[in-house]
């Protein structure tokens, strides 16, 4: 069975993105074939396109999607043809109309949640889940810093923090994004293009600073983030939107208060499958309660994936973005 998909044959800019048509195999043991209705767009897709996260060429792009199971291989339990499903990650290749992938990476999508919402929320929502509930388990009452609070992950983080009773200080790059983050639940926002965010965090906390900083920006916020932390605070570096953090001097962690640092990824927080199901259930429950809302701000046809990458890299997107097959 043939279907359209995105392929890259070399690493580079958006120009390496190519729309192709190829055969989609029948599902083997432990696999399902999915007719996709929506595909999530994420910054990690750019990392794979540029080669920051290396992968053998040629390869597809995309981590998350949502659709309907068309066929089921042997030894697949709990899933059947016709099930609405979503997934946060798997083998590269979500930018496709149709794909075959391991059933272990797929969860059922509740009927109350649309395909577009499912495709937009799985990677970002489960990222917030592992950050807030596994990496540093927030109990409520904490004050935290979260960078890029008006991005796709950030807006979910603002809502989740509000649901937990956590005061989230979000950094943003414009008044419009500040308003969006505040509307979504941020306690305070800091426009880092106009203010020194570390100094502002100290002022907002009366000098106490915060126990944890969640930083998906990377290179440009690394030093300032360390200055936001209390002694023995935790720096959670989970992304590289401004470039990778390199040349870290561990002695700085001692100088700034015996700080901790971690570089977590989603992959190690959604295994075994039971943990994926539990994390997804917590996310879906908050969505059903209306405590987390996923608004799709941008939609691009699959054939315009290169334009979507350009807009994402240029910070022209707000909130969640999906690619639409067909």
C-alpha atoms as a PDB file:
ATOM      1  CA  UNK A   1       0.000   0.000   0.000  1.00  0.00           C
ATOM      2  CA  UNK A   2       1.465   3.353  -1.063  1.00  0.00           C
ATOM      3  CA  UNK A   3       1.194   6.600   0.883  1.00  0.00           C
ATOM      4  CA  UNK A   4       2.824  10.021   0.990  1.00  0.00           C
ATOM      5  CA  UNK A   5       5.445  10.815   3.594  1.00  0.00           C
ATOM      6  CA  UNK A   6       8.310  13.191   4.309  1.00  0.00           C
ATOM      7  CA  UNK A   7      11.889  12.015   3.792  1.00  0.00           C
ATOM      8  CA  UNK A   8      15.277  13.674   4.204  1.00  0.00           C
ATOM      9  CA  UNK A   9      18.351  12.359   2.390  1.00  0.00           C
ATOM     10  CA  UNK A  10      20.845  14.772   4.005  1.00  0.00           C
ATOM     11  CA  UNK A  11      20.931  16.938   7.090  1.00  0.00           C
ATOM     12  CA  UNK A  12      20.465  20.673   6.717  1.00  0.00           C
ATOM     13  CA  UNK A  13      17.884  23.414   6.490  1.00  0.00           C
ATOM     14  CA  UNK A  14      14.199  23.130   5.592  1.00  0.00           C
ATOM     15  CA  UNK A  15      15.193  22.689   1.946  1.00  0.00           C
ATOM     16  CA  UNK A  16      16.218  19.056   2.626  1.00  0.00           C
ATOM     17  CA  UNK A  17      12.587  18.139   3.393  1.00  0.00           C
ATOM     18  CA  UNK A  18      11.155  16.085   0.532  1.00  0.00           C
ATOM     19  CA  UNK A  19       7.613  14.808  -0.047  1.00  0.00           C
ATOM     20  CA  UNK A  20       7.739  11.230  -1.351  1.00  0.00           C
ATOM     21  CA  UNK A  21       5.425   8.315  -1.977  1.00  0.00           C
ATOM     22  CA  UNK A  22       6.444   4.878  -0.740  1.00  0.00           C
ATOM     23  CA  UNK A  23       5.100   1.464   0.213  1.00  0.00           C
ATOM     24  CA  UNK A  24       3.808   1.045   3.768  1.00  0.00           C
ATOM     25  CA  UNK A  25       4.319  -2.508   5.043  1.00  0.00           C
ATOM     26  CA  UNK A  26       1.673  -4.660   6.663  1.00  0.00           C
ATOM     27  CA  UNK A  27       2.098  -4.814  10.445  1.00  0.00           C
ATOM     28  CA  UNK A  28       4.354  -7.535  11.748  1.00  0.00           C
ATOM     29  CA  UNK A  29       4.409  -9.104  15.183  1.00  0.00           C
ATOM     30  CA  UNK A  30       3.664  -6.467  17.826  1.00  0.00           C
ATOM     31  CA  UNK A  31       2.892  -3.781  15.249  1.00  0.00           C
ATOM     32  CA  UNK A  32      -0.094  -1.759  14.033  1.00  0.00           C
ATOM     33  CA  UNK A  33      -0.727   0.185  10.831  1.00  0.00           C
ATOM     34  CA  UNK A  34      -2.218   3.644  11.403  1.00  0.00           C
ATOM     35  CA  UNK A  35      -4.151   5.917   9.049  1.00  0.00           C
ATOM     36  CA  UNK A  36      -3.070   9.279  10.382  1.00  0.00           C
ATOM     37  CA  UNK A  37      -5.464  12.200  10.837  1.00  0.00           C
ATOM     38  CA  UNK A  38      -3.040  14.696  12.380  1.00  0.00           C
ATOM     39  CA  UNK A  39       0.695  14.975  13.107  1.00  0.00           C
ATOM     40  CA  UNK A  40       2.367  17.046  15.820  1.00  0.00           C
ATOM     41  CA  UNK A  41       5.096  19.582  15.018  1.00  0.00           C
ATOM     42  CA  UNK A  42       7.884  19.855  17.603  1.00  0.00           C
ATOM     43  CA  UNK A  43      11.286  21.471  17.970  1.00  0.00           C
ATOM     44  CA  UNK A  44      12.876  18.048  18.262  1.00  0.00           C
ATOM     45  CA  UNK A  45      11.942  17.525  14.605  1.00  0.00           C
ATOM     46  CA  UNK A  46      14.357  20.325  13.719  1.00  0.00           C
ATOM     47  CA  UNK A  47      17.110  18.664  15.757  1.00  0.00           C
ATOM     48  CA  UNK A  48      16.737  15.479  13.688  1.00  0.00           C
ATOM     49  CA  UNK A  49      16.550  17.440  10.425  1.00  0.00           C
ATOM     50  CA  UNK A  50      19.769  19.336  11.134  1.00  0.00           C
ATOM     51  CA  UNK A  51      21.619  16.325  12.528  1.00  0.00           C
ATOM     52  CA  UNK A  52      21.961  17.734  16.060  1.00  0.00           C
ATOM     53  CA  UNK A  53      20.340  14.451  17.028  1.00  0.00           C
ATOM     54  CA  UNK A  54      22.047  12.088  14.551  1.00  0.00           C
ATOM     55  CA  UNK A  55      20.149   9.333  12.776  1.00  0.00           C
ATOM     56  CA  UNK A  56      21.094   7.135   9.832  1.00  0.00           C
ATOM     57  CA  UNK A  57      20.121   8.693   6.498  1.00  0.00           C
ATOM     58  CA  UNK A  58      17.802   8.686   4.702  1.00  0.00           C
ATOM     59  CA  UNK A  59      15.073   8.939   7.332  1.00  0.00           C
ATOM     60  CA  UNK A  60      11.665  10.359   8.021  1.00  0.00           C
ATOM     61  CA  UNK A  61      10.722  13.087  10.456  1.00  0.00           C
ATOM     62  CA  UNK A  62       8.238  13.483  13.246  1.00  0.00           C
ATOM     63  CA  UNK A  63       7.572  11.917  16.617  1.00  0.00           C
ATOM     64  CA  UNK A  64       3.876  12.167  17.431  1.00  0.00           C
ATOM     65  CA  UNK A  65       0.565  11.671  15.702  1.00  0.00           C
ATOM     66  CA  UNK A  66      -3.021  10.514  15.993  1.00  0.00           C
ATOM     67  CA  UNK A  67      -5.320   8.477  13.807  1.00  0.00           C
ATOM     68  CA  UNK A  68      -7.145   5.181  13.412  1.00  0.00           C
ATOM     69  CA  UNK A  69      -5.718   1.664  13.432  1.00  0.00           C
ATOM     70  CA  UNK A  70      -6.241   0.016  10.042  1.00  0.00           C
ATOM     71  CA  UNK A  71      -4.496  -3.291  10.663  1.00  0.00           C
ATOM     72  CA  UNK A  72      -3.076  -5.202  13.630  1.00  0.00           C
ATOM     73  CA  UNK A  73      -0.191  -7.672  13.641  1.00  0.00           C
ATOM     74  CA  UNK A  74       0.202 -10.784  15.758  1.00  0.00           C
ATOM     75  CA  UNK A  75       0.615 -10.657  19.538  1.00  0.00           C
ATOM     76  CA  UNK A  76      -0.934  -7.200  19.889  1.00  0.00           C
ATOM     77  CA  UNK A  77      -3.157  -6.962  22.941  1.00  0.00           C
ATOM     78  CA  UNK A  78      -5.571  -4.220  23.910  1.00  0.00           C
ATOM     79  CA  UNK A  79      -5.723  -2.642  20.438  1.00  0.00           C
ATOM     80  CA  UNK A  80      -7.887  -3.510  17.423  1.00  0.00           C
ATOM     81  CA  UNK A  81      -8.821  -2.246  13.975  1.00  0.00           C
ATOM     82  CA  UNK A  82     -10.899   0.912  14.158  1.00  0.00           C
ATOM     83  CA  UNK A  83      -9.468   2.128  17.478  1.00  0.00           C
ATOM     84  CA  UNK A  84      -8.769   5.846  17.773  1.00  0.00           C
ATOM     85  CA  UNK A  85      -5.180   6.182  18.939  1.00  0.00           C
ATOM     86  CA  UNK A  86      -2.382   8.632  19.596  1.00  0.00           C
ATOM     87  CA  UNK A  87       1.310   8.275  20.330  1.00  0.00           C
ATOM     88  CA  UNK A  88       4.042  10.582  21.688  1.00  0.00           C
ATOM     89  CA  UNK A  89       6.998   9.023  19.913  1.00  0.00           C
ATOM     90  CA  UNK A  90       8.296   5.992  18.123  1.00  0.00           C
ATOM     91  CA  UNK A  91      10.536   5.363  15.144  1.00  0.00           C
ATOM     92  CA  UNK A  92      11.051   8.561  13.139  1.00  0.00           C
ATOM     93  CA  UNK A  93       8.400   8.959  10.477  1.00  0.00           C
ATOM     94  CA  UNK A  94       5.249  10.562  11.879  1.00  0.00           C
ATOM     95  CA  UNK A  95       5.190  12.960   8.905  1.00  0.00           C
ATOM     96  CA  UNK A  96       3.153  10.506   6.840  1.00  0.00           C
ATOM     97  CA  UNK A  97      -0.362   9.674   5.726  1.00  0.00           C
ATOM     98  CA  UNK A  98      -0.023   6.049   6.754  1.00  0.00           C
ATOM     99  CA  UNK A  99       2.543   4.272   8.889  1.00  0.00           C
ATOM    100  CA  UNK A 100       3.341   0.967  10.569  1.00  0.00           C
ATOM    101  CA  UNK A 101       4.841   1.138  14.044  1.00  0.00           C
ATOM    102  CA  UNK A 102       5.222  -0.744  17.343  1.00  0.00           C
ATOM    103  CA  UNK A 103       1.955  -1.134  19.214  1.00  0.00           C
ATOM    104  CA  UNK A 104       3.813  -0.604  22.496  1.00  0.00           C
ATOM    105  CA  UNK A 105       4.161   3.119  21.700  1.00  0.00           C
ATOM    106  CA  UNK A 106       0.425   3.643  21.051  1.00  0.00           C
ATOM    107  CA  UNK A 107      -2.404   4.462  23.464  1.00  0.00           C
ATOM    108  CA  UNK A 108      -6.142   4.717  22.915  1.00  0.00           C
ATOM    109  CA  UNK A 109      -7.409   8.261  22.426  1.00  0.00           C
ATOM    110  CA  UNK A 110     -10.566   9.107  24.394  1.00  0.00           C
ATOM    111  CA  UNK A 111     -13.525  10.096  22.224  1.00  0.00           C
ATOM    112  CA  UNK A 112     -13.695  13.490  23.972  1.00  0.00           C
ATOM    113  CA  UNK A 113     -10.279  14.426  22.533  1.00  0.00           C
ATOM    114  CA  UNK A 114      -9.975  15.221  18.809  1.00  0.00           C
ATOM    115  CA  UNK A 115      -7.280  13.788  16.554  1.00  0.00           C
ATOM    116  CA  UNK A 116      -5.700  17.227  16.207  1.00  0.00           C
ATOM    117  CA  UNK A 117      -5.647  17.692  19.974  1.00  0.00           C
ATOM    118  CA  UNK A 118      -4.207  14.208  20.412  1.00  0.00           C
ATOM    119  CA  UNK A 119      -1.466  14.805  17.849  1.00  0.00           C
ATOM    120  CA  UNK A 120      -0.618  18.176  19.385  1.00  0.00           C
ATOM    121  CA  UNK A 121      -0.650  17.113  23.025  1.00  0.00           C
ATOM    122  CA  UNK A 122       1.070  13.742  23.334  1.00  0.00           C
ATOM    123  CA  UNK A 123       4.755  14.686  23.108  1.00  0.00           C
ATOM    124  CA  UNK A 124       4.322  18.097  24.732  1.00  0.00           C
ATOM    125  CA  UNK A 125       1.838  16.957  27.366  1.00  0.00           C
ATOM    126  CA  UNK A 126       3.798  13.880  28.379  1.00  0.00           C
ATOM    127  CA  UNK A 127       6.937  16.028  28.468  1.00  0.00           C
ATOM    128  CA  UNK A 128       5.251  18.234  31.067  1.00  0.00           C
ATOM    129  CA  UNK A 129       4.036  15.118  32.874  1.00  0.00           C
ATOM    130  CA  UNK A 130       7.537  13.698  33.293  1.00  0.00           C
ATOM    131  CA  UNK A 131       9.005  17.117  34.148  1.00  0.00           C
ATOM    132  CA  UNK A 132       6.407  17.945  36.810  1.00  0.00           C
ATOM    133  CA  UNK A 133       5.524  14.478  38.093  1.00  0.00           C
ATOM    134  CA  UNK A 134       8.707  12.419  37.664  1.00  0.00           C
ATOM    135  CA  UNK A 135      11.870  14.518  37.228  1.00  0.00           C
ATOM    136  CA  UNK A 136      11.017  16.938  40.059  1.00  0.00           C
ATOM    137  CA  UNK A 137       7.693  15.934  41.543  1.00  0.00           C
ATOM    138  CA  UNK A 138       5.772  19.103  42.292  1.00  0.00           C
ATOM    139  CA  UNK A 139       3.523  18.888  45.323  1.00  0.00           C
ATOM    140  CA  UNK A 140       1.780  22.263  45.125  1.00  0.00           C
ATOM    141  CA  UNK A 141       2.789  25.581  46.674  1.00  0.00           C
ATOM    142  CA  UNK A 142       6.216  25.734  44.973  1.00  0.00           C
ATOM    143  CA  UNK A 143       7.421  28.645  42.894  1.00  0.00           C
ATOM    144  CA  UNK A 144       9.201  27.512  39.720  1.00  0.00           C
ATOM    145  CA  UNK A 145      10.734  28.949  36.559  1.00  0.00           C
ATOM    146  CA  UNK A 146       9.708  27.653  33.153  1.00  0.00           C
ATOM    147  CA  UNK A 147      11.356  29.038  30.020  1.00  0.00           C
ATOM    148  CA  UNK A 148       9.461  29.664  26.755  1.00  0.00           C
ATOM    149  CA  UNK A 149       6.160  29.684  28.617  1.00  0.00           C
ATOM    150  CA  UNK A 150       4.136  30.608  25.517  1.00  0.00           C
ATOM    151  CA  UNK A 151       5.406  27.712  23.399  1.00  0.00           C
ATOM    152  CA  UNK A 152       3.602  24.432  22.867  1.00  0.00           C
ATOM    153  CA  UNK A 153       5.152  22.770  25.927  1.00  0.00           C
ATOM    154  CA  UNK A 154       5.090  25.992  27.920  1.00  0.00           C
ATOM    155  CA  UNK A 155       1.356  26.625  27.597  1.00  0.00           C
ATOM    156  CA  UNK A 156       0.593  23.117  28.807  1.00  0.00           C
ATOM    157  CA  UNK A 157       3.063  23.641  31.667  1.00  0.00           C
ATOM    158  CA  UNK A 158       1.275  26.862  32.676  1.00  0.00           C
ATOM    159  CA  UNK A 159      -2.050  25.040  32.838  1.00  0.00           C
ATOM    160  CA  UNK A 160      -0.653  22.001  34.655  1.00  0.00           C
ATOM    161  CA  UNK A 161       1.075  24.222  37.202  1.00  0.00           C
ATOM    162  CA  UNK A 162      -2.183  26.047  37.895  1.00  0.00           C
ATOM    163  CA  UNK A 163      -3.968  22.711  38.327  1.00  0.00           C
ATOM    164  CA  UNK A 164      -1.329  21.655  40.878  1.00  0.00           C
ATOM    165  CA  UNK A 165      -1.387  24.939  42.780  1.00  0.00           C
ATOM    166  CA  UNK A 166       2.153  25.820  41.686  1.00  0.00           C
ATOM    167  CA  UNK A 167       3.301  29.404  41.013  1.00  0.00           C
ATOM    168  CA  UNK A 168       4.955  29.325  37.584  1.00  0.00           C
ATOM    169  CA  UNK A 169       7.215  32.186  36.523  1.00  0.00           C
ATOM    170  CA  UNK A 170       7.365  31.982  32.742  1.00  0.00           C
ATOM    171  CA  UNK A 171       9.878  33.645  30.450  1.00  0.00           C
ATOM    172  CA  UNK A 172       8.601  34.975  27.121  1.00  0.00           C
ATOM    173  CA  UNK A 173       9.821  37.140  24.237  1.00  0.00           C
ATOM    174  CA  UNK A 174       6.943  39.589  23.717  1.00  0.00           C
ATOM    175  CA  UNK A 175       3.990  41.233  25.479  1.00  0.00           C
ATOM    176  CA  UNK A 176       1.604  39.126  23.387  1.00  0.00           C
ATOM    177  CA  UNK A 177       3.241  35.910  24.548  1.00  0.00           C
ATOM    178  CA  UNK A 178       3.253  37.167  28.127  1.00  0.00           C
ATOM    179  CA  UNK A 179      -0.505  37.705  27.948  1.00  0.00           C
ATOM    180  CA  UNK A 180      -1.004  34.219  26.514  1.00  0.00           C
ATOM    181  CA  UNK A 181       1.084  32.592  29.255  1.00  0.00           C
ATOM    182  CA  UNK A 182      -0.747  34.508  31.988  1.00  0.00           C
ATOM    183  CA  UNK A 183      -4.108  33.506  30.506  1.00  0.00           C
ATOM    184  CA  UNK A 184      -2.973  29.869  30.564  1.00  0.00           C
ATOM    185  CA  UNK A 185      -2.032  29.962  34.231  1.00  0.00           C
ATOM    186  CA  UNK A 186       1.408  31.526  34.668  1.00  0.00           C
ATOM    187  CA  UNK A 187       1.710  33.329  37.999  1.00  0.00           C
ATOM    188  CA  UNK A 188       4.182  35.877  36.613  1.00  0.00           C
ATOM    189  CA  UNK A 189       5.942  36.408  33.280  1.00  0.00           C
ATOM    190  CA  UNK A 190       9.303  37.909  32.389  1.00  0.00           C
ATOM    191  CA  UNK A 191      10.096  39.333  28.945  1.00  0.00           C
ATOM    192  CA  UNK A 192      13.713  38.233  28.608  1.00  0.00           C
ATOM    193  CA  UNK A 193      14.215  40.558  25.635  1.00  0.00           C
ATOM    194  CA  UNK A 194      13.781  43.530  28.011  1.00  0.00           C
ATOM    195  CA  UNK A 195      14.678  42.245  31.479  1.00  0.00           C
ATOM    196  CA  UNK A 196      17.400  40.208  33.154  1.00  0.00           C
ATOM    197  CA  UNK A 197      15.290  37.198  34.042  1.00  0.00           C
ATOM    198  CA  UNK A 198      17.547  36.000  36.887  1.00  0.00           C
ATOM    199  CA  UNK A 199      17.374  39.388  38.601  1.00  0.00           C
ATOM    200  CA  UNK A 200      13.614  39.498  38.102  1.00  0.00           C
ATOM    201  CA  UNK A 201      13.159  35.988  39.568  1.00  0.00           C
ATOM    202  CA  UNK A 202      15.131  37.043  42.643  1.00  0.00           C
ATOM    203  CA  UNK A 203      12.906  40.121  43.020  1.00  0.00           C
ATOM    204  CA  UNK A 204       9.674  38.147  42.581  1.00  0.00           C
ATOM    205  CA  UNK A 205      10.729  35.661  45.262  1.00  0.00           C
ATOM    206  CA  UNK A 206      12.093  38.276  47.684  1.00  0.00           C
ATOM    207  CA  UNK A 207      15.568  36.865  47.176  1.00  0.00           C
ATOM    208  CA  UNK A 208      14.616  33.274  47.949  1.00  0.00           C
ATOM    209  CA  UNK A 209      14.866  32.140  44.304  1.00  0.00           C
ATOM    210  CA  UNK A 210      13.358  28.797  43.212  1.00  0.00           C
ATOM    211  CA  UNK A 211      13.951  25.081  43.849  1.00  0.00           C
ATOM    212  CA  UNK A 212      13.750  24.083  40.181  1.00  0.00           C
ATOM    213  CA  UNK A 213      14.153  25.618  36.725  1.00  0.00           C
ATOM    214  CA  UNK A 214      12.756  23.882  33.650  1.00  0.00           C
ATOM    215  CA  UNK A 215      14.781  24.973  30.627  1.00  0.00           C
ATOM    216  CA  UNK A 216      13.983  23.886  27.082  1.00  0.00           C
ATOM    217  CA  UNK A 217      15.855  26.819  25.522  1.00  0.00           C
ATOM    218  CA  UNK A 218      19.417  25.717  26.202  1.00  0.00           C
ATOM    219  CA  UNK A 219      22.512  27.716  25.361  1.00  0.00           C
ATOM    220  CA  UNK A 220      21.257  31.278  25.861  1.00  0.00           C
ATOM    221  CA  UNK A 221      19.505  30.663  29.177  1.00  0.00           C
ATOM    222  CA  UNK A 222      21.895  28.229  30.854  1.00  0.00           C
ATOM    223  CA  UNK A 223      23.923  30.655  33.012  1.00  0.00           C
ATOM    224  CA  UNK A 224      20.931  32.782  33.960  1.00  0.00           C
ATOM    225  CA  UNK A 225      18.942  29.704  34.903  1.00  0.00           C
ATOM    226  CA  UNK A 226      21.602  28.613  37.381  1.00  0.00           C
ATOM    227  CA  UNK A 227      21.360  32.057  38.985  1.00  0.00           C
ATOM    228  CA  UNK A 228      17.625  31.522  39.577  1.00  0.00           C
ATOM    229  CA  UNK A 229      18.176  28.485  41.779  1.00  0.00           C
ATOM    230  CA  UNK A 230      18.216  28.154  45.542  1.00  0.00           C
ATOM    231  CA  UNK A 231      21.147  26.274  47.127  1.00  0.00           C
ATOM    232  CA  UNK A 232      20.836  22.591  46.202  1.00  0.00           C
ATOM    233  CA  UNK A 233      18.251  23.502  43.546  1.00  0.00           C
ATOM    234  CA  UNK A 234      17.704  21.434  40.420  1.00  0.00           C
ATOM    235  CA  UNK A 235      18.398  22.631  36.881  1.00  0.00           C
ATOM    236  CA  UNK A 236      16.294  20.591  34.436  1.00  0.00           C
ATOM    237  CA  UNK A 237      17.714  21.116  30.941  1.00  0.00           C
ATOM    238  CA  UNK A 238      15.331  19.347  28.590  1.00  0.00           C
ATOM    239  CA  UNK A 239      15.783  21.102  25.226  1.00  0.00           C
ATOM    240  CA  UNK A 240      18.082  23.079  22.942  1.00  0.00           C
ATOM    241  CA  UNK A 241      15.900  25.634  21.149  1.00  0.00           C
ATOM    242  CA  UNK A 242      18.749  28.187  21.154  1.00  0.00           C
ATOM    243  CA  UNK A 243      21.507  25.626  20.689  1.00  0.00           C
ATOM    244  CA  UNK A 244      23.081  22.906  22.785  1.00  0.00           C
ATOM    245  CA  UNK A 245      24.663  23.603  26.167  1.00  0.00           C
ATOM    246  CA  UNK A 246      28.369  22.763  25.846  1.00  0.00           C
ATOM    247  CA  UNK A 247      31.565  23.198  27.847  1.00  0.00           C
ATOM    248  CA  UNK A 248      29.844  22.973  31.217  1.00  0.00           C
ATOM    249  CA  UNK A 249      32.186  23.621  34.125  1.00  0.00           C
ATOM    250  CA  UNK A 250      30.956  21.434  36.984  1.00  0.00           C
ATOM    251  CA  UNK A 251      32.702  23.719  39.436  1.00  0.00           C
ATOM    252  CA  UNK A 252      30.091  26.396  38.708  1.00  0.00           C
ATOM    253  CA  UNK A 253      27.468  24.130  40.271  1.00  0.00           C
ATOM    254  CA  UNK A 254      29.420  24.188  43.509  1.00  0.00           C
ATOM    255  CA  UNK A 255      30.045  27.935  43.378  1.00  0.00           C
ATOM    256  CA  UNK A 256      26.365  28.700  42.870  1.00  0.00           C
ATOM    257  CA  UNK A 257      25.128  26.593  45.767  1.00  0.00           C
ATOM    258  CA  UNK A 258      25.778  22.855  45.358  1.00  0.00           C
ATOM    259  CA  UNK A 259      23.313  22.743  42.474  1.00  0.00           C
ATOM    260  CA  UNK A 260      22.001  19.640  40.744  1.00  0.00           C
ATOM    261  CA  UNK A 261      21.527  19.343  36.986  1.00  0.00           C
ATOM    262  CA  UNK A 262      19.772  16.742  34.852  1.00  0.00           C
ATOM    263  CA  UNK A 263      19.233  16.291  31.116  1.00  0.00           C
ATOM    264  CA  UNK A 264      16.114  14.086  30.866  1.00  0.00           C
ATOM    265  CA  UNK A 265      14.276  12.855  27.775  1.00  0.00           C
ATOM    266  CA  UNK A 266      10.769  11.524  27.300  1.00  0.00           C
ATOM    267  CA  UNK A 267      11.941   8.120  26.056  1.00  0.00           C
ATOM    268  CA  UNK A 268      13.148   6.966  29.470  1.00  0.00           C
ATOM    269  CA  UNK A 269       9.988   8.189  31.218  1.00  0.00           C
ATOM    270  CA  UNK A 270       7.377   6.287  29.186  1.00  0.00           C
ATOM    271  CA  UNK A 271       8.764   2.763  29.599  1.00  0.00           C
ATOM    272  CA  UNK A 272       7.620   0.198  30.413  1.00  0.00           C
ATOM    273  CA  UNK A 273       4.280   0.511  28.619  1.00  0.00           C
ATOM    274  CA  UNK A 274       2.402   0.674  31.918  1.00  0.00           C
ATOM    275  CA  UNK A 275       4.135   3.982  32.649  1.00  0.00           C
ATOM    276  CA  UNK A 276       3.108   5.343  29.227  1.00  0.00           C
ATOM    277  CA  UNK A 277      -0.486   4.379  29.934  1.00  0.00           C
ATOM    278  CA  UNK A 278      -0.423   5.904  33.436  1.00  0.00           C
ATOM    279  CA  UNK A 279       1.145   9.152  32.220  1.00  0.00           C
ATOM    280  CA  UNK A 280      -1.295   9.411  29.313  1.00  0.00           C
ATOM    281  CA  UNK A 281      -4.252   8.728  31.609  1.00  0.00           C
ATOM    282  CA  UNK A 282      -3.188  11.569  33.916  1.00  0.00           C
ATOM    283  CA  UNK A 283      -2.893  13.929  30.940  1.00  0.00           C
ATOM    284  CA  UNK A 284      -6.210  12.878  29.385  1.00  0.00           C
ATOM    285  CA  UNK A 285      -7.981  13.199  32.731  1.00  0.00           C
ATOM    286  CA  UNK A 286      -6.851  16.815  33.122  1.00  0.00           C
ATOM    287  CA  UNK A 287      -8.011  17.501  29.566  1.00  0.00           C
ATOM    288  CA  UNK A 288     -11.430  15.979  30.211  1.00  0.00           C
ATOM    289  CA  UNK A 289     -11.767  18.118  33.343  1.00  0.00           C
ATOM    290  CA  UNK A 290     -10.995  21.213  31.287  1.00  0.00           C
ATOM    291  CA  UNK A 291      -7.857  21.934  33.326  1.00  0.00           C
ATOM    292  CA  UNK A 292      -5.655  21.523  30.253  1.00  0.00           C
ATOM    293  CA  UNK A 293      -6.898  22.850  26.934  1.00  0.00           C
ATOM    294  CA  UNK A 294      -4.950  22.378  23.723  1.00  0.00           C
ATOM    295  CA  UNK A 295      -5.571  25.067  21.151  1.00  0.00           C
ATOM    296  CA  UNK A 296      -4.312  24.439  17.642  1.00  0.00           C
ATOM    297  CA  UNK A 297      -2.964  27.800  16.519  1.00  0.00           C
ATOM    298  CA  UNK A 298      -1.402  26.692  13.206  1.00  0.00           C
ATOM    299  CA  UNK A 299      -2.204  23.997  10.634  1.00  0.00           C
ATOM    300  CA  UNK A 300      -0.046  23.115   7.636  1.00  0.00           C
ATOM    301  CA  UNK A 301      -0.648  20.558   4.889  1.00  0.00           C
ATOM    302  CA  UNK A 302       1.874  17.715   5.027  1.00  0.00           C
ATOM    303  CA  UNK A 303       3.315  18.975   1.724  1.00  0.00           C
ATOM    304  CA  UNK A 304       4.227  22.274   3.441  1.00  0.00           C
ATOM    305  CA  UNK A 305       6.301  20.724   6.223  1.00  0.00           C
ATOM    306  CA  UNK A 306       9.318  22.809   5.190  1.00  0.00           C
ATOM    307  CA  UNK A 307       7.369  26.049   5.702  1.00  0.00           C
ATOM    308  CA  UNK A 308       6.200  24.772   9.078  1.00  0.00           C
ATOM    309  CA  UNK A 309       9.842  24.186  10.082  1.00  0.00           C
ATOM    310  CA  UNK A 310      10.812  27.679   8.948  1.00  0.00           C
ATOM    311  CA  UNK A 311       8.047  29.287  10.985  1.00  0.00           C
ATOM    312  CA  UNK A 312       8.804  27.188  14.071  1.00  0.00           C
ATOM    313  CA  UNK A 313      12.531  28.024  13.971  1.00  0.00           C
ATOM    314  CA  UNK A 314      11.760  31.727  13.479  1.00  0.00           C
ATOM    315  CA  UNK A 315       9.491  31.753  16.572  1.00  0.00           C
ATOM    316  CA  UNK A 316       6.522  32.678  14.385  1.00  0.00           C
ATOM    317  CA  UNK A 317       4.333  29.955  15.860  1.00  0.00           C
ATOM    318  CA  UNK A 318       2.385  30.210  19.098  1.00  0.00           C
ATOM    319  CA  UNK A 319       1.039  27.272  21.072  1.00  0.00           C
ATOM    320  CA  UNK A 320       0.455  24.048  19.191  1.00  0.00           C
ATOM    321  CA  UNK A 321       0.881  23.296  15.501  1.00  0.00           C
ATOM    322  CA  UNK A 322      -0.200  20.269  13.477  1.00  0.00           C
ATOM    323  CA  UNK A 323       0.481  18.910  10.029  1.00  0.00           C
ATOM    324  CA  UNK A 324      -2.580  17.573   8.231  1.00  0.00           C
ATOM    325  CA  UNK A 325      -2.173  14.603   5.848  1.00  0.00           C
ATOM    326  CA  UNK A 326      -4.000  14.541   2.532  1.00  0.00           C
END
